[in-house]
Amino acid sequence: MLTVGLDRALELLSQPKSARNARAVAQPLRELGVHPADGKPLVLMSGRYGPYVKHGETNATLPRNVKPEAVTLAQAIALVDEESRQRS
């Protein structure tokens, strides 16, 4: 099928892991603003399982009936606050 020579294999393995897995990293769609409680940014991300809002270490999945392009800062704050409460 497809063969890779030793030189090419060593070149690929010498790359940093992030460069080898670049397509596996979630891509930001847009910045929504900052959370009023701590000033950290709220970012709309596109992930493997659909769009979500990221705030620090908290990820909140968008409901199916909410289109990513229509998410407001107020909705994003509500989503991450609810997710934080559920985790506590």
Protein backbone atom coordinates (compact mmCIF):
# COMPACT_ATOMS: atom_id res chain seq x y z
CA MET A 1 0.00 0.00 0.00
CA LEU A 2 1.84 3.09 1.24
CA THR A 3 5.45 2.88 2.33
CA VAL A 4 7.47 5.35 4.33
CA GLY A 5 11.22 5.25 4.22
CA LEU A 6 13.36 5.38 7.33
CA ASP A 7 14.45 8.98 6.68
CA ARG A 8 10.84 10.20 6.35
CA ALA A 9 9.73 8.22 9.42
CA LEU A 10 12.53 9.74 11.53
CA GLU A 11 11.62 13.22 10.24
CA LEU A 12 7.97 12.73 11.22
CA LEU A 13 8.85 11.36 14.64
CA SER A 14 11.23 14.25 15.34
CA GLN A 15 8.41 16.79 14.95
CA PRO A 16 6.76 18.03 18.15
CA LYS A 17 3.67 16.06 19.06
CA SER A 18 1.40 19.07 18.57
CA ALA A 19 2.53 19.41 14.96
CA ARG A 20 1.83 15.75 14.27
CA ASN A 21 -1.68 15.97 15.77
CA ALA A 22 -2.63 19.44 14.52
CA ARG A 23 -5.93 18.31 13.07
CA ALA A 24 -6.98 16.74 16.41
CA VAL A 25 -6.86 20.09 18.22
CA ALA A 26 -10.14 21.96 18.58
CA GLN A 27 -10.32 25.13 16.52
CA PRO A 28 -11.69 28.41 17.90
CA LEU A 29 -14.61 29.84 15.94
CA ARG A 30 -14.65 33.26 17.64
CA GLU A 31 -14.09 35.12 20.90
CA LEU A 32 -17.33 36.00 22.64
CA GLY A 33 -15.92 38.35 25.29
CA VAL A 34 -14.84 38.05 28.90
CA HIS A 35 -16.63 36.58 31.90
CA PRO A 36 -17.63 39.39 34.28
CA ALA A 37 -16.74 37.35 37.38
CA ASP A 38 -13.05 36.79 36.60
CA GLY A 39 -12.20 38.53 33.32
CA LYS A 40 -11.19 35.30 31.59
CA PRO A 41 -12.14 35.02 27.91
CA LEU A 42 -15.12 33.03 26.67
CA VAL A 43 -14.31 31.37 23.35
CA LEU A 44 -16.63 29.53 20.99
CA MET A 45 -14.85 26.37 19.86
CA SER A 46 -15.47 23.72 17.23
CA GLY A 47 -14.79 20.30 18.66
CA ARG A 48 -15.05 16.70 17.68
CA TYR A 49 -18.54 16.41 19.16
CA GLY A 50 -19.81 19.81 18.03
CA PRO A 51 -19.52 23.43 19.09
CA TYR A 52 -18.90 24.41 22.71
CA VAL A 53 -17.99 27.41 24.84
CA LYS A 54 -14.63 27.34 26.63
CA HIS A 55 -13.92 29.37 29.77
CA GLY A 56 -10.64 28.51 31.45
CA GLU A 57 -10.89 24.78 32.16
CA THR A 58 -14.69 24.68 31.78
CA ASN A 59 -16.25 23.49 28.54
CA ALA A 60 -19.99 23.85 27.98
CA THR A 61 -21.60 22.15 24.99
CA LEU A 62 -24.05 24.22 22.98
CA PRO A 63 -27.62 22.92 22.98
CA ARG A 64 -28.64 21.44 19.62
CA ASN A 65 -31.21 24.18 19.04
CA VAL A 66 -28.58 26.98 19.34
CA LYS A 67 -26.65 27.85 16.20
CA PRO A 68 -22.96 28.67 16.84
CA GLU A 69 -23.13 31.91 14.87
CA ALA A 70 -26.05 33.12 17.02
CA VAL A 71 -24.48 32.57 20.47
CA THR A 72 -24.37 35.74 22.55
CA LEU A 73 -22.06 36.59 25.42
CA ALA A 74 -24.98 36.32 27.88
CA GLN A 75 -25.84 32.81 26.62
CA ALA A 76 -22.20 31.74 26.86
CA ILE A 77 -21.94 33.01 30.45
CA ALA A 78 -25.12 31.13 31.39
CA LEU A 79 -23.84 27.91 29.78
CA VAL A 80 -20.45 27.93 31.52
CA ASP A 81 -21.95 28.97 34.86
CA GLU A 82 -24.42 26.08 34.67
CA GLU A 83 -21.65 23.66 33.73
CA SER A 84 -19.53 24.90 36.65
CA ARG A 85 -22.44 24.40 39.06
CA GLN A 86 -22.99 20.86 37.79
CA ARG A 87 -19.34 19.99 38.33
CA SER A 88 -19.29 21.35 41.88
